[in-house]
Protein backbone atom coordinates (compact mmCIF):
# COMPACT_ATOMS: atom_id res chain seq x y z
CA MET A 1 -79.98 70.43 -93.25
CA GLU A 2 -83.60 69.84 -94.23
CA LEU A 3 -85.28 72.35 -96.53
CA PRO A 4 -89.01 73.13 -96.43
CA ASP A 5 -90.56 71.33 -99.44
CA ASN A 6 -93.51 73.67 -99.86
CA THR A 7 -91.33 76.77 -100.12
CA LEU A 8 -88.53 75.45 -102.33
CA GLU A 9 -88.06 76.15 -106.02
CA ILE A 10 -85.40 74.75 -108.35
CA SER A 11 -84.71 76.78 -111.49
CA PRO A 12 -82.26 75.82 -114.27
CA ARG A 13 -79.65 78.36 -115.31
CA SER A 14 -78.35 78.83 -118.83
CA GLY A 15 -74.66 78.58 -119.64
CA GLY A 16 -74.01 75.88 -117.09
CA HIS A 17 -70.99 73.65 -117.42
CA GLU A 18 -70.07 70.22 -116.10
CA THR A 19 -67.66 70.33 -113.21
CA ALA A 20 -65.42 67.50 -112.14
CA THR A 21 -64.12 67.55 -108.59
CA ALA A 22 -60.79 65.77 -108.58
CA SER A 23 -60.52 66.03 -104.80
CA VAL A 24 -61.92 68.04 -101.96
CA LEU A 25 -59.39 67.65 -99.19
CA ASN A 26 -57.80 69.70 -96.43
CA GLY A 27 -60.47 72.37 -96.66
CA GLU A 28 -59.80 73.18 -100.31
CA THR A 29 -62.03 72.58 -103.32
CA TYR A 30 -60.62 71.76 -106.74
CA VAL A 31 -63.11 72.23 -109.57
CA GLU A 32 -62.29 71.65 -113.20
CA SER A 33 -64.54 72.56 -116.13
CA THR A 34 -65.03 69.86 -118.76
CA GLY A 35 -66.82 72.15 -121.19
CA VAL A 36 -69.88 69.91 -121.30
CA SER A 37 -73.30 71.48 -120.76
CA SER A 38 -74.89 70.18 -117.59
CA GLN A 39 -77.02 71.05 -114.60
CA SER A 40 -76.61 74.36 -112.87
CA PHE A 41 -79.42 75.38 -110.55
CA ASP A 42 -80.77 78.25 -108.57
CA ILE A 43 -82.39 76.82 -105.46
CA SER A 44 -84.69 79.37 -103.87
CA VAL A 45 -85.92 78.69 -100.34
CA ARG A 46 -88.40 80.69 -98.28
CA PHE A 47 -88.49 80.29 -94.52
CA ASP A 48 -91.70 81.41 -92.81
CA GLY A 49 -92.74 81.17 -89.18
CA ASP A 50 -91.36 82.56 -85.94
CA ARG A 51 -87.89 84.01 -85.35
CA ARG A 52 -86.36 80.63 -86.11
CA ALA A 53 -86.94 81.41 -89.79
CA THR A 54 -84.03 83.88 -89.64
CA TRP A 55 -81.79 81.29 -87.93
CA LYS A 56 -82.49 78.74 -90.66
CA ALA A 57 -81.82 81.27 -93.44
CA ALA A 58 -78.55 82.28 -91.78
CA ALA A 59 -77.52 78.62 -91.46
CA LEU A 60 -78.18 77.91 -95.14
CA GLU A 61 -76.26 81.04 -96.13
CA MET A 62 -73.28 79.94 -94.04
CA LEU A 63 -73.52 76.40 -95.41
CA GLY A 64 -73.17 77.78 -98.93
CA THR A 65 -70.08 79.84 -98.10
CA ASN A 66 -68.03 77.54 -95.84
CA PRO A 67 -64.77 76.68 -97.66
CA ALA A 68 -64.13 73.75 -95.30
CA LEU A 69 -67.21 72.00 -96.68
CA GLY A 70 -66.55 72.83 -100.34
CA VAL A 71 -68.89 70.43 -102.12
CA LEU A 72 -72.39 69.83 -100.74
CA PRO A 73 -74.61 66.77 -101.17
CA LEU A 74 -78.15 67.39 -102.38
CA GLY A 75 -80.54 64.51 -101.77
CA GLY A 76 -84.21 63.71 -101.45
CA SER A 77 -85.28 65.72 -104.48
CA THR A 78 -88.46 64.64 -106.26
CA HIS A 79 -86.82 65.68 -109.55
CA VAL A 80 -85.12 62.74 -111.26
CA GLY A 81 -81.41 63.29 -111.84
CA VAL A 82 -81.08 66.29 -109.53
CA ASP A 83 -79.58 64.52 -106.51
CA GLY A 84 -75.80 64.78 -106.50
CA TYR A 85 -72.81 66.79 -105.34
CA TYR A 86 -72.80 70.54 -105.95
CA VAL A 87 -70.43 73.47 -105.51
CA PRO A 88 -72.19 76.64 -104.29
CA SER A 89 -71.05 79.45 -106.56
CA SER A 90 -73.15 82.25 -105.05
CA THR A 91 -75.54 82.90 -102.20
CA ARG A 92 -78.17 85.63 -102.09
CA ARG A 93 -80.15 86.23 -98.92
CA ALA A 94 -83.23 88.45 -98.83
CA PRO A 95 -84.47 89.20 -95.30
CA GLY A 96 -88.21 89.83 -95.25
CA PHE A 97 -89.25 90.78 -91.76
CA ALA A 98 -88.58 89.63 -88.23
CA GLU A 99 -90.33 90.85 -85.13
CA ALA A 100 -88.34 91.68 -82.03
CA ARG A 101 -87.52 88.92 -79.58
CA GLU A 102 -90.18 88.04 -77.03
CA ALA A 103 -90.20 85.60 -74.14
CA ASP A 104 -92.47 83.33 -76.18
CA LEU A 105 -90.40 82.37 -79.23
CA GLU A 106 -93.43 81.22 -81.22
CA ALA A 107 -95.15 84.59 -80.78
CA THR A 108 -92.64 86.36 -83.03
CA ASP A 109 -93.27 86.27 -86.79
CA ALA A 110 -90.47 86.22 -89.36
CA SER A 111 -89.96 85.51 -93.05
CA GLU A 112 -86.78 85.17 -95.11
CA SER A 113 -85.80 83.88 -98.52
CA LEU A 114 -82.46 82.73 -99.85
CA THR A 115 -81.16 81.62 -103.25
CA LEU A 116 -78.19 79.33 -103.76
CA THR A 117 -76.58 78.92 -107.17
CA LEU A 118 -75.23 75.39 -107.40
CA GLU A 119 -72.84 74.06 -110.01
CA ARG A 120 -73.00 70.31 -110.44
CA ALA A 121 -69.82 68.50 -109.35
CA GLY A 122 -70.90 64.92 -109.97
CA THR A 123 -72.61 62.01 -108.27
CA ARG A 124 -71.90 59.13 -105.89
CA LYS A 125 -71.05 57.05 -108.96
CA GLN A 126 -68.25 59.50 -109.76
CA HIS A 127 -66.90 60.22 -106.27
CA TYR A 128 -66.17 58.55 -102.97
CA LEU A 129 -66.31 60.26 -99.63
CA ALA A 130 -62.77 60.36 -98.24
CA LEU A 131 -61.33 60.69 -94.75
CA VAL A 132 -57.70 61.71 -95.03
CA THR A 133 -55.57 61.02 -91.95
CA SER A 134 -52.04 61.88 -90.92
CA PRO A 135 -51.61 60.58 -87.37
CA GLY A 136 -48.90 62.26 -85.35
CA GLN A 137 -48.00 63.54 -81.91
CA PRO A 138 -48.22 67.34 -81.69
CA ASP A 139 -45.48 69.20 -79.84
CA PRO A 140 -46.33 70.47 -77.33
CA GLY A 141 -49.01 67.94 -76.54
CA HIS A 142 -51.08 67.76 -73.37
CA PRO A 143 -50.89 66.32 -69.83
CA PHE A 144 -54.12 64.29 -69.86
CA GLY A 145 -52.75 60.83 -70.69
CA ASN A 146 -50.48 58.82 -72.96
CA ASP A 147 -52.83 56.71 -75.11
CA THR A 148 -51.49 56.32 -78.67
CA THR A 149 -54.62 55.48 -80.65
CA GLY A 150 -55.76 57.68 -83.52
CA ILE A 151 -59.50 57.08 -83.69
CA VAL A 152 -61.62 58.30 -86.60
CA GLY A 153 -65.36 57.80 -87.06
CA ILE A 154 -67.40 56.81 -90.12
CA PRO A 155 -71.21 56.47 -90.20
CA ALA A 156 -72.05 52.84 -89.44
CA ASP A 157 -74.45 52.67 -92.39
CA ALA A 158 -71.73 53.74 -94.86
CA ARG A 159 -71.03 51.20 -97.59
CA ARG A 160 -67.86 49.86 -99.23
CA VAL A 161 -65.42 51.21 -96.65
CA ARG A 162 -61.86 50.80 -97.89
CA ILE A 163 -58.45 52.26 -97.07
CA VAL A 164 -55.88 53.31 -99.65
CA ASP A 165 -52.47 54.94 -99.50
CA SER A 166 -53.10 57.78 -101.93
CA THR A 167 -55.88 59.81 -103.54
CA SER A 168 -54.19 59.37 -106.91
CA SER A 169 -53.30 55.93 -108.35
CA PRO A 170 -53.05 54.16 -104.97
CA THR A 171 -50.80 51.12 -104.78
CA GLU A 172 -52.34 49.68 -101.62
CA ARG A 173 -55.99 48.90 -100.83
CA GLU A 174 -57.46 47.12 -97.82
CA ARG A 175 -60.81 46.57 -96.13
CA PRO A 176 -60.52 47.94 -92.57
CA THR A 177 -62.24 46.50 -89.51
CA PRO A 178 -63.80 48.86 -86.97
CA VAL A 179 -62.48 48.60 -83.43
CA GLU A 180 -65.86 49.60 -82.00
CA THR A 181 -69.33 50.83 -82.93
CA VAL A 182 -70.85 53.56 -80.80
CA GLU A 183 -74.46 54.72 -80.59
CA THR A 184 -74.84 58.50 -80.61
CA ALA A 185 -77.87 60.71 -80.26
CA HIS A 186 -78.00 60.95 -84.06
CA GLY A 187 -77.04 57.44 -85.19
CA ALA A 188 -74.38 54.74 -85.02
CA ILE A 189 -70.72 55.37 -85.85
CA ASP A 190 -67.99 52.83 -86.63
CA LEU A 191 -64.64 53.71 -85.06
CA PHE A 192 -61.32 52.89 -86.75
CA ASP A 193 -57.80 53.28 -85.39
CA ALA A 194 -55.74 55.04 -88.05
CA THR A 195 -52.51 54.13 -86.21
CA SER A 196 -53.05 50.37 -86.43
CA GLU A 197 -54.19 49.88 -90.03
CA ALA A 198 -52.19 47.87 -92.56
CA ILE A 199 -51.52 51.15 -94.39
CA ASP A 200 -49.65 54.08 -92.86
CA GLU A 201 -51.56 57.37 -92.92
CA PRO A 202 -54.64 55.61 -94.34
CA ILE A 203 -57.23 57.34 -96.48
CA TYR A 204 -60.68 55.93 -95.78
CA LEU A 205 -62.99 55.76 -98.80
CA TYR A 206 -66.69 55.04 -98.50
CA ASP A 207 -70.11 55.62 -100.04
CA HIS A 208 -73.06 57.16 -98.22
CA GLY A 209 -76.52 58.31 -99.27
CA TYR A 210 -76.82 62.03 -99.98
CA ASP A 211 -79.64 62.55 -97.51
CA LEU A 212 -77.78 60.62 -94.78
CA GLN A 213 -74.60 62.68 -94.94
CA GLY A 214 -74.17 65.02 -92.01
CA ASP A 215 -76.52 63.20 -89.64
CA VAL A 216 -73.76 62.09 -87.25
CA ASP A 217 -71.29 64.90 -87.93
CA PRO A 218 -70.16 67.25 -85.15
CA THR A 219 -72.16 70.47 -85.05
CA VAL A 220 -71.80 74.02 -83.77
CA TRP A 221 -75.01 75.53 -82.40
CA ASP A 222 -76.17 78.97 -81.29
CA SER A 223 -78.62 78.45 -78.42
CA HIS A 224 -80.18 81.89 -79.05
CA GLY A 225 -80.94 82.02 -75.37
CA GLU A 226 -83.24 79.01 -75.55
CA GLY A 227 -82.69 76.62 -72.65
CA GLY A 228 -83.23 73.35 -74.48
CA GLN A 229 -82.29 72.19 -77.96
CA TYR A 230 -85.96 71.46 -78.68
CA ASP A 231 -89.13 73.26 -77.61
CA VAL A 232 -92.09 71.62 -75.85
CA GLU A 233 -93.50 70.55 -79.22
CA GLY A 234 -90.28 68.85 -80.25
CA SER A 235 -89.23 71.49 -82.79
CA LEU A 236 -85.59 72.54 -83.02
CA ALA A 237 -85.00 75.65 -80.91
CA TRP A 238 -81.31 76.24 -81.65
CA GLY A 239 -79.64 77.52 -84.80
CA ARG A 240 -76.89 75.70 -86.70
CA VAL A 241 -73.62 77.54 -87.29
CA TYR A 242 -71.34 76.86 -90.29
CA SER A 243 -69.12 79.96 -90.27
CA THR A 244 -66.09 80.51 -88.03
CA GLY A 245 -66.80 84.27 -88.20
CA TYR A 246 -70.35 83.99 -86.89
CA VAL A 247 -71.29 86.27 -83.96
CA PHE A 248 -73.33 84.32 -81.45
CA ASP A 249 -76.64 85.55 -80.07
CA GLY A 250 -76.74 82.99 -77.25
CA GLU A 251 -74.50 80.29 -75.87
CA ILE A 252 -71.92 78.50 -78.03
CA VAL A 253 -72.55 74.77 -78.22
CA LEU A 254 -70.14 72.18 -79.65
CA GLU A 255 -71.83 68.78 -79.99
CA ASN A 256 -71.26 65.45 -81.75
CA GLY A 257 -74.05 63.26 -80.41
CA LEU A 258 -71.84 61.92 -77.61
CA LEU A 259 -70.49 65.05 -75.95
CA ARG A 260 -72.12 68.47 -75.69
CA ILE A 261 -70.03 71.44 -74.56
CA THR A 262 -71.90 74.67 -73.81
CA ILE A 263 -69.93 77.88 -73.35
CA ASP A 264 -71.41 81.20 -72.27
CA GLU A 265 -68.95 83.97 -73.13
CA PRO A 266 -68.88 87.17 -71.08
CA THR A 267 -70.39 90.26 -72.76
CA ASN A 268 -70.84 93.93 -71.90
CA ALA A 269 -74.44 93.19 -70.98
CA ASP A 270 -73.58 90.14 -68.89
CA GLU A 271 -70.03 89.59 -67.68
CA THR A 272 -70.70 86.12 -66.24
CA ALA A 273 -69.25 83.15 -68.12
CA SER A 274 -69.71 79.42 -67.82
CA LEU A 275 -68.58 76.05 -69.10
CA ASP A 276 -71.13 73.21 -68.98
CA VAL A 277 -70.77 69.70 -70.35
CA GLU A 278 -73.24 66.90 -71.02
CA GLU A 279 -72.71 63.35 -72.22
CA TYR A 280 -75.14 61.13 -74.11
CA ASP A 281 -76.43 57.94 -72.52
CA ALA A 282 -77.48 55.59 -75.34
CA GLY A 283 -79.23 53.21 -72.94
CA ALA A 284 -81.49 55.93 -71.56
CA ASP A 285 -81.51 57.91 -74.84
CA SER A 286 -80.89 61.09 -72.88
CA TRP A 287 -78.24 63.65 -71.99
CA SER A 288 -76.79 63.89 -68.49
CA THR A 289 -74.62 66.56 -66.88
CA VAL A 290 -70.90 65.91 -66.45
CA ASP A 291 -69.78 67.11 -63.02
CA LEU A 292 -66.79 69.40 -63.45
CA PRO A 293 -64.60 70.49 -60.52
CA SER A 294 -65.84 73.74 -58.94
CA TYR A 295 -64.10 76.75 -57.43
CA ASP A 296 -63.68 76.71 -53.63
CA ALA A 297 -64.82 73.10 -53.32
CA ASP A 298 -62.20 71.59 -55.65
CA LEU A 299 -60.09 74.40 -57.14
CA ASP A 300 -58.00 77.24 -55.73
CA THR A 301 -58.47 79.30 -58.91
CA ASP A 302 -61.72 79.98 -60.75
CA TRP A 303 -61.02 79.58 -64.47
CA GLU A 304 -63.77 80.75 -66.83
CA PRO A 305 -63.94 80.80 -70.66
CA ALA A 306 -63.28 84.36 -71.82
CA ASP A 307 -63.27 83.89 -75.60
CA VAL A 308 -64.06 81.15 -78.11
CA ASP A 309 -62.34 81.48 -81.48
CA LEU A 310 -63.77 78.93 -83.91
CA THR A 311 -61.06 77.86 -86.35
CA HIS A 312 -62.67 75.03 -88.33
CA ILE A 313 -66.18 73.68 -88.91
CA GLY A 314 -66.02 70.56 -91.05
CA GLN A 315 -67.78 67.25 -91.49
CA ALA A 316 -65.34 65.17 -89.45
CA SER A 317 -64.46 67.67 -86.72
CA VAL A 318 -64.93 71.15 -85.32
CA ARG A 319 -61.98 73.04 -83.85
CA ALA A 320 -61.60 76.15 -81.71
CA GLN A 321 -59.12 78.04 -79.59
CA ILE A 322 -60.51 78.82 -76.15
CA GLU A 323 -59.02 81.48 -73.90
CA PHE A 324 -59.61 81.04 -70.19
CA GLU A 325 -59.29 83.76 -67.56
CA ALA A 326 -58.70 83.31 -63.86
CA VAL A 327 -61.46 85.48 -62.39
CA ALA A 328 -60.84 84.63 -58.75
CA GLY A 329 -58.43 82.77 -56.51
CA ASP A 330 -54.68 82.26 -56.38
CA GLN A 331 -54.03 83.11 -60.03
CA GLU A 332 -56.68 85.80 -60.51
CA GLY A 333 -55.97 87.91 -63.58
CA ASP A 334 -54.01 85.23 -65.45
CA ILE A 335 -55.09 84.02 -68.90
CA TYR A 336 -54.33 80.80 -70.74
CA ALA A 337 -55.49 79.49 -74.13
CA VAL A 338 -55.80 75.95 -75.48
CA ASP A 339 -56.72 74.43 -78.83
CA VAL A 340 -59.65 72.03 -78.72
CA GLU A 341 -61.13 69.63 -81.26
CA LEU A 342 -64.35 67.62 -81.17
CA GLU A 343 -64.32 64.79 -83.71
CA ARG A 344 -67.06 62.57 -85.05
CA GLY A 345 -67.51 59.51 -82.84
CA HIS A 346 -65.35 60.78 -79.97
CA SER A 347 -66.71 60.83 -76.44
CA GLU A 348 -63.89 63.10 -75.25
CA LEU A 349 -62.60 66.53 -76.25
CA GLU A 350 -59.08 66.85 -77.63
CA VAL A 351 -57.25 69.57 -75.69
CA TRP A 352 -53.83 70.73 -76.91
CA ARG A 353 -51.28 73.20 -75.61
CA LEU A 354 -50.36 76.06 -77.93
CA SER A 355 -46.86 76.34 -79.31
CA GLY A 356 -44.67 78.58 -77.18
CA THR A 357 -46.83 78.36 -74.07
CA GLY A 358 -45.97 76.93 -70.68
CA GLU A 359 -47.68 74.05 -68.92
CA ILE A 360 -51.45 74.23 -68.49
CA PRO A 361 -52.14 75.81 -65.07
CA THR A 362 -52.85 73.12 -62.51
CA ASP A 363 -56.44 74.07 -61.69
CA LEU A 364 -57.33 74.57 -65.37
CA GLU A 365 -55.94 71.11 -66.07
CA VAL A 366 -58.07 69.69 -63.24
CA LEU A 367 -61.13 71.50 -64.61
CA LEU A 368 -60.71 70.02 -68.10
CA ASP A 369 -59.52 66.56 -67.07
CA PRO A 370 -63.00 64.91 -66.87
CA ILE A 371 -63.67 65.62 -70.57
CA ALA A 372 -60.17 65.71 -72.09
CA SER A 373 -58.97 62.96 -74.41
CA THR A 374 -56.14 60.82 -73.08
CA SER A 375 -54.68 60.18 -76.54
CA ILE A 376 -51.46 61.99 -77.43
CA VAL A 377 -52.08 61.29 -81.13
CA ASP A 378 -53.80 63.77 -83.43
CA SER A 379 -55.33 61.97 -86.42
CA SER A 380 -55.40 65.26 -88.41
CA VAL A 381 -58.57 63.96 -90.04
CA GLU A 382 -60.21 65.88 -92.89
CA GLN A 383 -63.21 64.83 -94.94
CA GLY A 384 -63.83 65.53 -98.61
CA LEU A 385 -64.44 63.86 -101.95
CA VAL A 386 -62.11 61.96 -104.22
CA ALA A 387 -62.90 61.01 -107.81
CA ARG A 388 -63.41 57.29 -108.38
CA ALA A 389 -61.31 57.57 -111.53
CA GLU A 390 -58.34 58.62 -109.37
CA VAL A 391 -58.47 55.58 -107.09
CA ARG A 392 -59.53 52.76 -109.41
CA ARG A 393 -57.52 49.57 -109.33
């Protein structure tokens, strides 16, 4: 997330202490005080402009309180020695003013400020980025295929990619070879098959510039009722979402630069719902609509998304449980829920049956088939940090 340079202040705090992050894995953050005085900052940001100022402030607030992210990279600072990894210890948001919504987004003025307190957790010379995998076949699985690959994605411009067998005193270390490189809307990604590496349940270690991290990660967006992701001037018109508890103002969008899934949930004001999908064409550098089967023409039951329950927003994947309702047709009134996951570098959506449920209804299966992953393997990928001292030879 880019911060506005002209409205950003960095203030040192007294009583700071050095923090050493032994590992940041599986959504948990482990921070250990070394008792050494070091950098602790208050970063104060003011967002001015139209109503998008409130969306940006909300996104930064969520970014500072998402336990799945834990440690955040800070890069591009003009202050020498400030770039590094930080643990947000507090977030204080101060809404200024925001005019009511109008048809013309740019005609609405808004101003907000937010202060993050960041405790230093180290640098790239102290930590590697780590993708932890545990490939397996969930039970129950899904009916969309029987491929057994466990693909994980790493930014193609990452350096020193290695695999090890442990985050503490590893006994095995190899240099993996990507099976493919894909071009996404946000950059290139190297794909690796975690099921075919020389190490079982490999942990991928790599280095990546602070200001490059996040560029190709999957993202959750709130469309805020804006039709396109960018306005006519090329400015971002949607708001980023980093909290699973966030209440959406517009459509829910899950996107990873290859696949974009837009879900309009029913509300009291508007009971209509929809599921729309787009895929990225690298050759044309554009998004195109994926034709999904439609009611009457292809399906005997009209299944619509009734509820989206976000369960995880991380760097390597976003996950949700989606409940569908049959609003017309042979099975009208029925409901069925599935778990879904959109991973970095994947051009398909992982769709999984829930434990204790029956088979996916036939027409719902047909509806999801064009975008569902055919692999029956879940890589269980999680991204975090691991201390270099823990994985040295």
